[in-house]
N, C-alpha and C. Protein backbone atom coordinates (compact mmCIF):
# COMPACT_ATOMS: atom_id res chain seq x y z
N MET A 1 69.44 -200.46 -128.60
CA MET A 1 69.97 -201.68 -128.17
C MET A 1 70.66 -201.22 -127.03
N SER A 2 70.47 -202.25 -125.26
CA SER A 2 71.11 -201.05 -124.85
C SER A 2 71.86 -201.76 -124.18
N ALA A 3 73.19 -201.09 -123.71
CA ALA A 3 74.21 -201.61 -123.60
C ALA A 3 75.18 -202.20 -122.55
N TYR A 4 74.93 -203.25 -121.82
CA TYR A 4 75.54 -203.73 -120.26
C TYR A 4 77.02 -204.41 -120.58
N ILE A 5 77.81 -203.71 -118.95
CA ILE A 5 79.14 -204.72 -118.65
C ILE A 5 79.04 -205.18 -117.63
N ALA A 6 79.20 -206.66 -118.39
CA ALA A 6 79.12 -207.71 -116.65
C ALA A 6 80.06 -208.06 -115.92
N LEU A 7 81.24 -207.89 -114.84
CA LEU A 7 81.78 -207.96 -114.69
C LEU A 7 81.46 -209.52 -113.81
N VAL A 8 82.71 -210.69 -114.28
CA VAL A 8 82.60 -211.48 -113.69
C VAL A 8 82.83 -212.60 -112.54
N ARG A 9 83.35 -213.24 -112.01
CA ARG A 9 83.63 -213.92 -111.40
C ARG A 9 83.67 -215.05 -111.05
N PHE A 10 84.69 -216.63 -111.27
CA PHE A 10 84.19 -217.98 -111.39
C PHE A 10 83.47 -218.24 -110.42
N THR A 11 82.74 -218.70 -109.17
CA THR A 11 82.74 -219.99 -108.41
C THR A 11 84.03 -220.97 -108.05
N GLU A 12 83.37 -222.06 -107.01
CA GLU A 12 84.58 -222.88 -106.64
C GLU A 12 83.74 -223.45 -107.84
N LYS A 13 82.20 -224.08 -108.06
CA LYS A 13 82.20 -224.88 -109.04
C LYS A 13 82.46 -224.81 -110.13
N GLY A 14 83.05 -222.71 -110.63
CA GLY A 14 83.35 -223.02 -112.05
C GLY A 14 84.55 -222.72 -112.03
N ILE A 15 85.48 -222.56 -111.58
CA ILE A 15 86.83 -223.09 -111.74
C ILE A 15 86.95 -224.38 -111.23
N SER A 16 87.13 -225.46 -110.06
CA SER A 16 86.68 -226.69 -110.32
C SER A 16 86.48 -227.17 -112.23
N ARG A 17 85.50 -226.40 -112.21
CA ARG A 17 85.48 -227.76 -113.99
C ARG A 17 85.28 -225.62 -115.08
N ILE A 18 86.97 -225.39 -114.85
CA ILE A 18 87.80 -224.65 -115.59
C ILE A 18 88.14 -224.88 -117.19
N LYS A 19 88.05 -226.24 -117.40
CA LYS A 19 88.61 -225.97 -118.88
C LYS A 19 86.89 -226.26 -119.24
N GLU A 20 85.67 -226.36 -119.23
CA GLU A 20 84.95 -226.41 -119.45
C GLU A 20 83.66 -225.76 -120.20
N SER A 21 84.89 -224.38 -119.37
CA SER A 21 84.74 -222.75 -120.35
C SER A 21 84.07 -221.92 -120.50
N PRO A 22 85.01 -223.04 -122.08
CA PRO A 22 84.57 -222.13 -123.30
C PRO A 22 83.55 -223.15 -123.66
N ARG A 23 83.07 -224.15 -123.17
CA ARG A 23 81.40 -224.54 -123.66
C ARG A 23 81.01 -223.87 -123.36
N ARG A 24 80.57 -223.40 -121.56
CA ARG A 24 79.72 -222.00 -121.69
C ARG A 24 79.50 -221.14 -121.59
N LEU A 25 80.72 -220.63 -122.19
CA LEU A 25 81.09 -218.94 -123.17
C LEU A 25 80.21 -218.80 -124.55
N ASP A 26 80.17 -219.89 -124.95
CA ASP A 26 79.35 -220.37 -126.31
C ASP A 26 78.16 -220.27 -126.41
N GLU A 27 77.57 -221.61 -124.40
CA GLU A 27 76.26 -221.14 -124.71
C GLU A 27 75.86 -220.01 -124.14
N ALA A 28 76.07 -219.37 -123.59
CA ALA A 28 75.62 -217.95 -123.42
C ALA A 28 76.25 -217.21 -124.19
N ARG A 29 76.52 -217.38 -124.91
CA ARG A 29 76.10 -216.27 -126.13
C ARG A 29 75.76 -216.78 -126.66
N GLU A 30 74.52 -218.10 -126.81
CA GLU A 30 74.20 -218.57 -127.52
C GLU A 30 72.80 -218.32 -127.49
N LEU A 31 72.67 -218.11 -125.77
CA LEU A 31 71.16 -218.05 -125.20
C LEU A 31 70.69 -215.82 -125.52
N LEU A 32 72.38 -215.84 -124.80
CA LEU A 32 71.88 -213.95 -125.75
C LEU A 32 70.93 -213.68 -127.05
N SER A 33 71.74 -214.12 -127.75
CA SER A 33 71.52 -214.23 -129.10
C SER A 33 69.51 -214.28 -129.04
N ASP A 34 69.60 -215.45 -128.02
CA ASP A 34 68.03 -215.96 -128.09
C ASP A 34 67.34 -215.20 -128.73
N MET A 35 67.24 -214.49 -127.26
CA MET A 35 67.47 -213.25 -126.06
C MET A 35 66.84 -211.98 -127.09
N GLY A 36 67.99 -212.64 -128.53
CA GLY A 36 67.68 -210.62 -128.71
C GLY A 36 69.28 -209.74 -128.67
N GLY A 37 69.81 -210.22 -127.80
CA GLY A 37 70.75 -208.99 -127.47
C GLY A 37 72.13 -210.30 -127.87
N ARG A 38 73.21 -210.23 -127.96
CA ARG A 38 74.20 -209.80 -129.07
C ARG A 38 75.67 -210.01 -127.22
N PHE A 39 76.92 -210.72 -127.55
CA PHE A 39 77.76 -209.65 -126.86
C PHE A 39 79.02 -208.61 -127.35
N LEU A 40 79.38 -207.64 -127.43
CA LEU A 40 80.07 -206.95 -128.54
C LEU A 40 82.08 -207.16 -128.30
N HIS A 41 81.84 -207.68 -126.44
CA HIS A 41 83.61 -207.92 -126.95
C HIS A 41 83.73 -208.78 -125.38
N PHE A 42 84.13 -209.66 -125.48
CA PHE A 42 84.80 -210.44 -124.30
C PHE A 42 86.67 -210.66 -123.68
N TYR A 43 86.63 -210.36 -122.37
CA TYR A 43 87.76 -210.29 -121.84
C TYR A 43 88.42 -211.63 -120.79
N MET A 44 89.86 -211.87 -120.88
CA MET A 44 89.63 -213.07 -119.93
C MET A 44 90.65 -211.53 -118.95
N THR A 45 90.25 -210.87 -117.54
CA THR A 45 90.76 -210.08 -117.66
C THR A 45 91.71 -210.98 -116.66
N MET A 46 92.94 -210.42 -115.30
CA MET A 46 93.25 -210.48 -114.69
C MET A 46 93.12 -209.37 -112.87
N GLY A 47 93.30 -210.01 -111.66
CA GLY A 47 93.14 -209.04 -110.82
C GLY A 47 91.09 -209.02 -109.99
N ASP A 48 91.04 -208.61 -109.81
CA ASP A 48 89.24 -209.12 -108.42
C ASP A 48 88.73 -209.36 -109.27
N TYR A 49 89.06 -209.13 -110.42
CA TYR A 49 87.23 -209.49 -111.89
C TYR A 49 88.57 -210.89 -112.48
N ASP A 50 87.92 -211.72 -113.41
CA ASP A 50 88.15 -212.80 -114.10
C ASP A 50 87.81 -212.50 -115.42
N LEU A 51 86.98 -212.53 -115.82
CA LEU A 51 86.09 -212.22 -117.30
C LEU A 51 85.17 -210.75 -117.99
N VAL A 52 85.35 -210.01 -118.27
CA VAL A 52 84.89 -208.66 -118.11
C VAL A 52 84.08 -209.13 -119.67
N VAL A 53 83.25 -208.33 -119.92
CA VAL A 53 81.73 -209.43 -121.14
C VAL A 53 80.89 -207.30 -121.28
N VAL A 54 81.41 -207.62 -122.42
CA VAL A 54 79.98 -206.51 -123.20
C VAL A 54 79.34 -206.97 -124.15
N TYR A 55 77.62 -206.12 -123.43
CA TYR A 55 77.21 -207.28 -124.49
C TYR A 55 75.75 -206.38 -124.82
N GLU A 56 75.15 -206.78 -125.50
CA GLU A 56 74.31 -205.65 -125.55
C GLU A 56 72.86 -206.07 -125.34
N ALA A 57 71.26 -206.09 -125.15
CA ALA A 57 70.05 -206.81 -125.09
C ALA A 57 69.29 -204.95 -125.37
N PRO A 58 68.21 -206.56 -125.34
CA PRO A 58 66.91 -205.33 -125.89
C PRO A 58 66.53 -204.66 -124.96
N ASP A 59 66.01 -205.11 -123.01
CA ASP A 59 66.05 -203.96 -122.00
C ASP A 59 66.46 -205.07 -121.31
N ASP A 60 65.98 -204.12 -120.32
CA ASP A 60 66.65 -203.94 -118.88
C ASP A 60 66.15 -205.32 -118.55
N ALA A 61 64.89 -205.84 -118.48
CA ALA A 61 64.44 -206.88 -117.84
C ALA A 61 65.26 -208.28 -119.00
N CYS A 62 65.42 -207.66 -120.24
CA CYS A 62 66.14 -208.67 -120.46
C CYS A 62 67.69 -209.21 -120.33
N ALA A 63 68.04 -207.99 -120.19
CA ALA A 63 69.90 -207.86 -118.58
C ALA A 63 69.01 -209.20 -118.25
N ALA A 64 68.34 -208.75 -117.09
CA ALA A 64 68.10 -209.56 -115.89
C ALA A 64 68.21 -210.26 -116.25
N ARG A 65 67.15 -211.13 -116.99
CA ARG A 65 66.86 -212.42 -117.72
C ARG A 65 68.09 -212.81 -117.42
N PHE A 66 69.30 -212.36 -117.93
CA PHE A 66 70.80 -213.65 -118.72
C PHE A 66 71.18 -213.06 -118.05
N THR A 67 71.48 -212.03 -116.74
CA THR A 67 72.28 -212.41 -115.73
C THR A 67 71.05 -213.94 -114.94
N LEU A 68 70.24 -213.97 -114.73
CA LEU A 68 69.58 -214.87 -113.09
C LEU A 68 70.51 -215.70 -113.99
N ALA A 69 69.54 -216.22 -115.45
CA ALA A 69 70.00 -217.56 -116.54
C ALA A 69 70.93 -218.31 -115.71
N LEU A 70 72.65 -217.18 -116.45
CA LEU A 70 73.68 -217.27 -115.90
C LEU A 70 74.34 -218.08 -114.28
N GLY A 71 73.40 -216.84 -113.42
CA GLY A 71 74.29 -217.05 -111.93
C GLY A 71 73.49 -218.68 -111.94
N ALA A 72 71.79 -218.89 -111.90
CA ALA A 72 71.82 -219.82 -111.46
C ALA A 72 72.29 -221.75 -112.39
N ALA A 73 73.42 -221.27 -113.14
CA ALA A 73 74.06 -222.75 -113.22
C ALA A 73 75.09 -222.51 -112.30
N GLY A 74 75.34 -221.42 -111.65
CA GLY A 74 76.53 -221.91 -110.73
C GLY A 74 77.90 -222.21 -110.91
N ASN A 75 78.03 -221.71 -111.98
CA ASN A 75 79.98 -221.14 -112.44
C ASN A 75 80.80 -219.88 -112.24
N ILE A 76 79.74 -218.90 -112.62
CA ILE A 76 80.01 -217.55 -112.32
C ILE A 76 78.96 -217.02 -112.09
N ARG A 77 79.37 -215.64 -111.18
CA ARG A 77 78.67 -214.20 -110.20
C ARG A 77 78.89 -213.27 -111.05
N THR A 78 77.71 -212.45 -111.05
CA THR A 78 78.00 -211.53 -112.17
C THR A 78 78.05 -209.82 -111.29
N THR A 79 78.52 -209.55 -111.50
CA THR A 79 77.96 -207.10 -110.75
C THR A 79 78.09 -206.98 -112.49
N THR A 80 76.85 -206.20 -112.45
CA THR A 80 76.38 -206.05 -114.09
C THR A 80 75.91 -204.32 -113.88
N MET A 81 76.41 -203.85 -115.10
CA MET A 81 76.28 -202.90 -114.89
C MET A 81 75.76 -202.19 -116.00
N LYS A 82 74.91 -201.41 -116.02
CA LYS A 82 74.10 -200.70 -117.56
C LYS A 82 75.50 -198.95 -118.21
N ALA A 83 75.10 -199.44 -119.65
CA ALA A 83 76.14 -198.26 -120.09
C ALA A 83 75.18 -197.52 -120.83
N PHE A 84 76.11 -196.49 -120.85
CA PHE A 84 75.26 -195.55 -121.38
C PHE A 84 76.68 -195.16 -122.59
N PRO A 85 76.12 -194.82 -124.31
CA PRO A 85 77.24 -194.53 -125.21
C PRO A 85 77.28 -192.83 -124.99
N GLU A 86 78.51 -192.77 -125.91
CA GLU A 86 78.78 -191.59 -125.54
C GLU A 86 77.45 -190.37 -125.77
N ASN A 87 76.53 -190.87 -127.21
CA ASN A 87 75.84 -189.33 -127.67
C ASN A 87 74.53 -189.27 -126.48
N ALA A 88 74.43 -190.34 -125.31
CA ALA A 88 73.84 -190.64 -124.53
C ALA A 88 74.25 -189.66 -123.17
N TYR A 89 75.78 -189.91 -123.36
CA TYR A 89 76.09 -189.28 -122.19
C TYR A 89 75.74 -187.59 -122.15
N ARG A 90 75.85 -187.16 -123.74
CA ARG A 90 76.03 -185.11 -124.14
C ARG A 90 74.75 -185.49 -124.34
N GLU A 91 73.91 -185.91 -124.00
CA GLU A 91 72.91 -185.14 -124.17
C GLU A 91 71.90 -185.78 -123.03
N ILE A 92 72.54 -186.21 -122.10
CA ILE A 92 71.82 -186.72 -121.01
C ILE A 92 72.98 -184.98 -119.96
N ILE A 93 74.05 -184.74 -120.57
CA ILE A 93 75.16 -183.82 -119.18
C ILE A 93 73.50 -182.41 -119.75
N ALA A 94 73.61 -182.31 -121.08
CA ALA A 94 72.54 -180.89 -122.15
C ALA A 94 71.00 -181.05 -121.10
N SER A 95 71.41 -182.00 -120.87
CA SER A 95 69.37 -182.00 -120.74
C SER A 95 69.86 -180.94 -118.93
N LEU A 96 70.47 -181.11 -118.32
CA LEU A 96 70.57 -180.76 -116.42
C LEU A 96 69.66 -179.92 -117.16
N PRO A 97 69.36 -178.80 -115.55
CA PRO A 97 68.97 -178.10 -115.69
C PRO A 97 70.52 -176.71 -114.62
């Protein structure tokens, strides 16, 4: 499975309904699980982003579907990055010409 890091900001709609956020988190976790992925870490953060989520998905297409489904609800906007674990990092660097 591939790893992804999502930097999340609440929209005006999302922050106005903030008390529903834990339920929405549970729904997002279930949606990702149904797609074959899983949450690895979840953090509420202070600064430019409101939340940081580290998750695994079977492939990039699944991660894209998950991100689009979350965004379509209108409560959050995300910036998602594909993450490479240390062993992949080492393999990539070792394969450089």
